[in-house]
Amino acid sequence: MSQSAVEKLVRCPGCGGDSVYGPANLYRPFCSERCKNLDLGAWASESFRVPTEAPPEDAQFGDPKLQ
């Protein structure tokens, strides 16, 4: 069986449905343009955030031992 005949299915990060992970799917790893755009919109509106251990806005910056 050739490599192109085997379709790898992955879980769509948007809806959780099956998504073909290969050159035939222009939206990979998403299953559709809709899921891709919803994900992009969530990042653009800052709904998704990378966790950080930044100090609160009113706290002094730098090493607290040096202050």
PDB file of N, CA and C in Angstrom:
ATOM      1  N   MET A   1       0.848  -1.179   0.000  1.00  0.00           N
ATOM      2  CA  MET A   1       0.000   0.000   0.000  1.00  0.00           C
ATOM      3  C   MET A   1       0.892   1.240   0.000  1.00  0.00           C
ATOM      4  N   SER A   2       0.637   2.189  -0.862  1.00  0.00           N
ATOM      5  CA  SER A   2       1.470   3.380  -0.949  1.00  0.00           C
ATOM      6  C   SER A   2       1.152   4.347   0.193  1.00  0.00           C
ATOM      7  N   GLN A   3       2.111   5.228   0.457  1.00  0.00           N
ATOM      8  CA  GLN A   3       1.974   6.199   1.543  1.00  0.00           C
ATOM      9  C   GLN A   3       0.785   7.123   1.305  1.00  0.00           C
ATOM     10  N   SER A   4       0.516   7.501   0.029  1.00  0.00           N
ATOM     11  CA  SER A   4      -0.590   8.417  -0.260  1.00  0.00           C
ATOM     12  C   SER A   4      -1.954   7.762  -0.065  1.00  0.00           C
ATOM     13  N   ALA A   5      -2.015   6.432  -0.105  1.00  0.00           N
ATOM     14  CA  ALA A   5      -3.283   5.736   0.068  1.00  0.00           C
ATOM     15  C   ALA A   5      -3.704   5.671   1.530  1.00  0.00           C
ATOM     16  N   VAL A   6      -2.760   5.880   2.438  1.00  0.00           N
ATOM     17  CA  VAL A   6      -3.055   5.809   3.864  1.00  0.00           C
ATOM     18  C   VAL A   6      -3.382   7.210   4.363  1.00  0.00           C
ATOM     19  N   GLU A   7      -4.588   7.390   4.860  1.00  0.00           N
ATOM     20  CA  GLU A   7      -4.986   8.680   5.417  1.00  0.00           C
ATOM     21  C   GLU A   7      -4.868   8.612   6.928  1.00  0.00           C
ATOM     22  N   LYS A   8      -4.165   9.564   7.492  1.00  0.00           N
ATOM     23  CA  LYS A   8      -4.031   9.615   8.939  1.00  0.00           C
ATOM     24  C   LYS A   8      -5.155  10.497   9.479  1.00  0.00           C
ATOM     25  N   LEU A   9      -5.944   9.945  10.381  1.00  0.00           N
ATOM     26  CA  LEU A   9      -7.020  10.715  11.010  1.00  0.00           C
ATOM     27  C   LEU A   9      -6.556  11.186  12.376  1.00  0.00           C
ATOM     28  N   VAL A  10      -6.800  12.450  12.654  1.00  0.00           N
ATOM     29  CA  VAL A  10      -6.498  13.030  13.961  1.00  0.00           C
ATOM     30  C   VAL A  10      -7.763  13.689  14.485  1.00  0.00           C
ATOM     31  N   ARG A  11      -7.755  14.020  15.753  1.00  0.00           N
ATOM     32  CA  ARG A  11      -8.893  14.709  16.365  1.00  0.00           C
ATOM     33  C   ARG A  11      -8.782  16.197  16.080  1.00  0.00           C
ATOM     34  N   CYS A  12      -9.829  16.787  15.566  1.00  0.00           N
ATOM     35  CA  CYS A  12      -9.853  18.222  15.284  1.00  0.00           C
ATOM     36  C   CYS A  12      -9.796  18.981  16.608  1.00  0.00           C
ATOM     37  N   PRO A  13      -8.846  19.923  16.763  1.00  0.00           N
ATOM     38  CA  PRO A  13      -8.767  20.681  18.015  1.00  0.00           C
ATOM     39  C   PRO A  13      -9.976  21.586  18.240  1.00  0.00           C
ATOM     40  N   GLY A  14     -10.724  21.874  17.183  1.00  0.00           N
ATOM     41  CA  GLY A  14     -11.879  22.758  17.309  1.00  0.00           C
ATOM     42  C   GLY A  14     -13.124  22.057  17.789  1.00  0.00           C
ATOM     43  N   CYS A  15     -13.528  21.009  17.067  1.00  0.00           N
ATOM     44  CA  CYS A  15     -14.798  20.356  17.374  1.00  0.00           C
ATOM     45  C   CYS A  15     -14.641  18.954  17.947  1.00  0.00           C
ATOM     46  N   GLY A  16     -13.438  18.398  17.858  1.00  0.00           N
ATOM     47  CA  GLY A  16     -13.210  17.054  18.386  1.00  0.00           C
ATOM     48  C   GLY A  16     -13.555  15.950  17.416  1.00  0.00           C
ATOM     49  N   GLY A  17     -13.995  16.312  16.219  1.00  0.00           N
ATOM     50  CA  GLY A  17     -14.334  15.308  15.210  1.00  0.00           C
ATOM     51  C   GLY A  17     -13.094  14.806  14.483  1.00  0.00           C
ATOM     52  N   ASP A  18     -13.296  13.885  13.556  1.00  0.00           N
ATOM     53  CA  ASP A  18     -12.195  13.346  12.770  1.00  0.00           C
ATOM     54  C   ASP A  18     -11.725  14.374  11.747  1.00  0.00           C
ATOM     55  N   SER A  19     -10.412  14.434  11.564  1.00  0.00           N
ATOM     56  CA  SER A  19      -9.819  15.330  10.591  1.00  0.00           C
ATOM     57  C   SER A  19      -8.709  14.588   9.870  1.00  0.00           C
ATOM     58  N   VAL A  20      -8.689  14.688   8.532  1.00  0.00           N
ATOM     59  CA  VAL A  20      -7.634  14.054   7.749  1.00  0.00           C
ATOM     60  C   VAL A  20      -6.383  14.917   7.884  1.00  0.00           C
ATOM     61  N   TYR A  21      -5.293  14.300   8.335  1.00  0.00           N
ATOM     62  CA  TYR A  21      -4.036  15.024   8.480  1.00  0.00           C
ATOM     63  C   TYR A  21      -3.145  14.689   7.301  1.00  0.00           C
ATOM     64  N   GLY A  22      -3.265  15.492   6.261  1.00  0.00           N
ATOM     65  CA  GLY A  22      -2.499  15.264   5.051  1.00  0.00           C
ATOM     66  C   GLY A  22      -2.665  16.433   4.103  1.00  0.00           C
ATOM     67  N   PRO A  23      -1.909  16.429   3.003  1.00  0.00           N
ATOM     68  CA  PRO A  23      -1.945  17.538   2.049  1.00  0.00           C
ATOM     69  C   PRO A  23      -3.325  17.799   1.443  1.00  0.00           C
ATOM     70  N   ALA A  24      -4.184  16.814   1.430  1.00  0.00           N
ATOM     71  CA  ALA A  24      -5.525  17.006   0.867  1.00  0.00           C
ATOM     72  C   ALA A  24      -6.387  17.921   1.728  1.00  0.00           C
ATOM     73  N   ASN A  25      -6.075  18.025   3.013  1.00  0.00           N
ATOM     74  CA  ASN A  25      -6.843  18.865   3.931  1.00  0.00           C
ATOM     75  C   ASN A  25      -6.105  20.187   4.119  1.00  0.00           C
ATOM     76  N   LEU A  26      -6.600  21.242   3.487  1.00  0.00           N
ATOM     77  CA  LEU A  26      -5.950  22.552   3.560  1.00  0.00           C
ATOM     78  C   LEU A  26      -6.025  23.180   4.954  1.00  0.00           C
ATOM     79  N   TYR A  27      -6.890  22.668   5.813  1.00  0.00           N
ATOM     80  CA  TYR A  27      -7.101  23.278   7.133  1.00  0.00           C
ATOM     81  C   TYR A  27      -6.465  22.467   8.254  1.00  0.00           C
ATOM     82  N   ARG A  28      -5.661  21.458   7.911  1.00  0.00           N
ATOM     83  CA  ARG A  28      -5.104  20.575   8.932  1.00  0.00           C
ATOM     84  C   ARG A  28      -4.381  21.356  10.005  1.00  0.00           C
ATOM     85  N   PRO A  29      -4.464  21.016  11.248  1.00  0.00           N
ATOM     86  CA  PRO A  29      -5.082  19.822  11.816  1.00  0.00           C
ATOM     87  C   PRO A  29      -6.592  19.967  12.032  1.00  0.00           C
ATOM     88  N   PHE A  30      -7.165  21.075  11.602  1.00  0.00           N
ATOM     89  CA  PHE A  30      -8.601  21.277  11.764  1.00  0.00           C
ATOM     90  C   PHE A  30      -9.363  20.542  10.669  1.00  0.00           C
ATOM     91  N   CYS A  31     -10.627  20.257  10.916  1.00  0.00           N
ATOM     92  CA  CYS A  31     -11.430  19.516   9.933  1.00  0.00           C
ATOM     93  C   CYS A  31     -12.028  20.437   8.884  1.00  0.00           C
ATOM     94  N   SER A  32     -12.126  21.737   9.185  1.00  0.00           N
ATOM     95  CA  SER A  32     -12.778  22.645   8.251  1.00  0.00           C
ATOM     96  C   SER A  32     -12.272  24.069   8.444  1.00  0.00           C
ATOM     97  N   GLU A  33     -12.620  24.922   7.493  1.00  0.00           N
ATOM     98  CA  GLU A  33     -12.264  26.336   7.594  1.00  0.00           C
ATOM     99  C   GLU A  33     -12.933  26.971   8.818  1.00  0.00           C
ATOM    100  N   ARG A  34     -14.148  26.534   9.121  1.00  0.00           N
ATOM    101  CA  ARG A  34     -14.881  27.073  10.273  1.00  0.00           C
ATOM    102  C   ARG A  34     -14.117  26.836  11.577  1.00  0.00           C
ATOM    103  N   CYS A  35     -13.667  25.593  11.794  1.00  0.00           N
ATOM    104  CA  CYS A  35     -12.932  25.275  13.020  1.00  0.00           C
ATOM    105  C   CYS A  35     -11.618  26.053  13.089  1.00  0.00           C
ATOM    106  N   LYS A  36     -10.945  26.182  11.950  1.00  0.00           N
ATOM    107  CA  LYS A  36      -9.686  26.929  11.908  1.00  0.00           C
ATOM    108  C   LYS A  36      -9.923  28.401  12.266  1.00  0.00           C
ATOM    109  N   ASN A  37     -10.964  29.000  11.699  1.00  0.00           N
ATOM    110  CA  ASN A  37     -11.262  30.413  11.965  1.00  0.00           C
ATOM    111  C   ASN A  37     -11.727  30.644  13.396  1.00  0.00           C
ATOM    112  N   LEU A  38     -12.481  29.704  13.962  1.00  0.00           N
ATOM    113  CA  LEU A  38     -12.897  29.845  15.361  1.00  0.00           C
ATOM    114  C   LEU A  38     -11.678  29.831  16.288  1.00  0.00           C
ATOM    115  N   ASP A  39     -10.720  28.958  16.004  1.00  0.00           N
ATOM    116  CA  ASP A  39      -9.504  28.886  16.804  1.00  0.00           C
ATOM    117  C   ASP A  39      -8.686  30.173  16.664  1.00  0.00           C
ATOM    118  N   LEU A  40      -8.533  30.660  15.443  1.00  0.00           N
ATOM    119  CA  LEU A  40      -7.802  31.896  15.207  1.00  0.00           C
ATOM    120  C   LEU A  40      -8.467  33.065  15.931  1.00  0.00           C
ATOM    121  N   GLY A  41      -9.789  33.119  15.878  1.00  0.00           N
ATOM    122  CA  GLY A  41     -10.518  34.183  16.571  1.00  0.00           C
ATOM    123  C   GLY A  41     -10.336  34.133  18.074  1.00  0.00           C
ATOM    124  N   ALA A  42     -10.274  32.942  18.638  1.00  0.00           N
ATOM    125  CA  ALA A  42     -10.062  32.809  20.085  1.00  0.00           C
ATOM    126  C   ALA A  42      -8.678  33.320  20.472  1.00  0.00           C
ATOM    127  N   TRP A  43      -7.671  33.023  19.657  1.00  0.00           N
ATOM    128  CA  TRP A  43      -6.327  33.557  19.942  1.00  0.00           C
ATOM    129  C   TRP A  43      -6.301  35.068  19.770  1.00  0.00           C
ATOM    130  N   ALA A  44      -6.938  35.587  18.715  1.00  0.00           N
ATOM    131  CA  ALA A  44      -6.928  37.024  18.450  1.00  0.00           C
ATOM    132  C   ALA A  44      -7.646  37.809  19.538  1.00  0.00           C
ATOM    133  N   SER A  45      -8.691  37.237  20.124  1.00  0.00           N
ATOM    134  CA  SER A  45      -9.427  37.928  21.188  1.00  0.00           C
ATOM    135  C   SER A  45      -8.834  37.642  22.566  1.00  0.00           C
ATOM    136  N   GLU A  46      -7.712  36.913  22.584  1.00  0.00           N
ATOM    137  CA  GLU A  46      -6.999  36.558  23.809  1.00  0.00           C
ATOM    138  C   GLU A  46      -7.813  35.663  24.736  1.00  0.00           C
ATOM    139  N   SER A  47      -8.732  34.868  24.160  1.00  0.00           N
ATOM    140  CA  SER A  47      -9.448  33.876  24.951  1.00  0.00           C
ATOM    141  C   SER A  47      -8.513  32.758  25.382  1.00  0.00           C
ATOM    142  N   PHE A  48      -7.528  32.454  24.517  1.00  0.00           N
ATOM    143  CA  PHE A  48      -6.498  31.479  24.860  1.00  0.00           C
ATOM    144  C   PHE A  48      -5.299  32.253  25.384  1.00  0.00           C
ATOM    145  N   ARG A  49      -4.740  31.812  26.473  1.00  0.00           N
ATOM    146  CA  ARG A  49      -3.554  32.463  27.026  1.00  0.00           C
ATOM    147  C   ARG A  49      -2.549  31.419  27.448  1.00  0.00           C
ATOM    148  N   VAL A  50      -1.301  31.761  27.311  1.00  0.00           N
ATOM    149  CA  VAL A  50      -0.230  30.896  27.783  1.00  0.00           C
ATOM    150  C   VAL A  50      -0.071  31.166  29.273  1.00  0.00           C
ATOM    151  N   PRO A  51      -0.110  30.105  30.115  1.00  0.00           N
ATOM    152  CA  PRO A  51       0.018  30.329  31.551  1.00  0.00           C
ATOM    153  C   PRO A  51       1.369  30.961  31.905  1.00  0.00           C
ATOM    154  N   THR A  52       1.337  31.816  32.865  1.00  0.00           N
ATOM    155  CA  THR A  52       2.555  32.494  33.300  1.00  0.00           C
ATOM    156  C   THR A  52       2.531  32.694  34.805  1.00  0.00           C
ATOM    157  N   GLU A  53       3.677  32.891  35.353  1.00  0.00           N
ATOM    158  CA  GLU A  53       3.777  33.179  36.777  1.00  0.00           C
ATOM    159  C   GLU A  53       4.200  34.633  36.978  1.00  0.00           C
ATOM    160  N   ALA A  54       3.656  35.508  36.160  1.00  0.00           N
ATOM    161  CA  ALA A  54       3.973  36.926  36.249  1.00  0.00           C
ATOM    162  C   ALA A  54       3.383  37.508  37.530  1.00  0.00           C
ATOM    163  N   PRO A  55       4.043  38.510  38.088  1.00  0.00           N
ATOM    164  CA  PRO A  55       3.497  39.143  39.293  1.00  0.00           C
ATOM    165  C   PRO A  55       2.233  39.917  38.969  1.00  0.00           C
ATOM    166  N   PRO A  56       1.397  40.168  39.955  1.00  0.00           N
ATOM    167  CA  PRO A  56       0.191  40.982  39.716  1.00  0.00           C
ATOM    168  C   PRO A  56       0.581  42.354  39.178  1.00  0.00           C
ATOM    169  N   GLU A  57      -0.367  43.013  38.517  1.00  0.00           N
ATOM    170  CA  GLU A  57      -0.100  44.311  37.900  1.00  0.00           C
ATOM    171  C   GLU A  57       0.429  45.351  38.895  1.00  0.00           C
ATOM    172  N   ASP A  58      -0.030  45.298  40.140  1.00  0.00           N
ATOM    173  CA  ASP A  58       0.385  46.313  41.112  1.00  0.00           C
ATOM    174  C   ASP A  58       1.668  45.930  41.870  1.00  0.00           C
ATOM    175  N   ALA A  59       2.236  44.776  41.599  1.00  0.00           N
ATOM    176  CA  ALA A  59       3.458  44.345  42.287  1.00  0.00           C
ATOM    177  C   ALA A  59       4.683  44.945  41.619  1.00  0.00           C
ATOM    178  N   GLN A  60       5.739  45.118  42.409  1.00  0.00           N
ATOM    179  CA  GLN A  60       7.006  45.611  41.884  1.00  0.00           C
ATOM    180  C   GLN A  60       7.649  44.514  41.050  1.00  0.00           C
ATOM    181  N   PHE A  61       8.380  44.917  40.019  1.00  0.00           N
ATOM    182  CA  PHE A  61       9.060  43.944  39.175  1.00  0.00           C
ATOM    183  C   PHE A  61      10.459  43.677  39.723  1.00  0.00           C
ATOM    184  N   GLY A  62      10.976  42.523  39.356  1.00  0.00           N
ATOM    185  CA  GLY A  62      12.345  42.185  39.749  1.00  0.00           C
ATOM    186  C   GLY A  62      12.340  41.167  40.873  1.00  0.00           C
ATOM    187  N   ASP A  63      13.514  40.869  41.345  1.00  0.00           N
ATOM    188  CA  ASP A  63      13.698  39.885  42.417  1.00  0.00           C
ATOM    189  C   ASP A  63      13.259  40.488  43.742  1.00  0.00           C
ATOM    190  N   PRO A  64      12.259  39.892  44.427  1.00  0.00           N
ATOM    191  CA  PRO A  64      11.785  40.459  45.690  1.00  0.00           C
ATOM    192  C   PRO A  64      12.862  40.474  46.772  1.00  0.00           C
ATOM    193  N   LYS A  65      13.848  39.600  46.676  1.00  0.00           N
ATOM    194  CA  LYS A  65      14.931  39.594  47.673  1.00  0.00           C
ATOM    195  C   LYS A  65      15.816  40.818  47.560  1.00  0.00           C
ATOM    196  N   LEU A  66      15.848  41.425  46.407  1.00  0.00           N
ATOM    197  CA  LEU A  66      16.709  42.602  46.195  1.00  0.00           C
ATOM    198  C   LEU A  66      15.996  43.914  46.513  1.00  0.00           C
ATOM    199  N   GLN A  67      14.718  43.860  46.855  1.00  0.00           N
ATOM    200  CA  GLN A  67      13.964  45.096  47.114  1.00  0.00           C
ATOM    201  C   GLN A  67      13.881  45.392  48.582  1.00  0.00           C
TER     202      GLN A  67
END
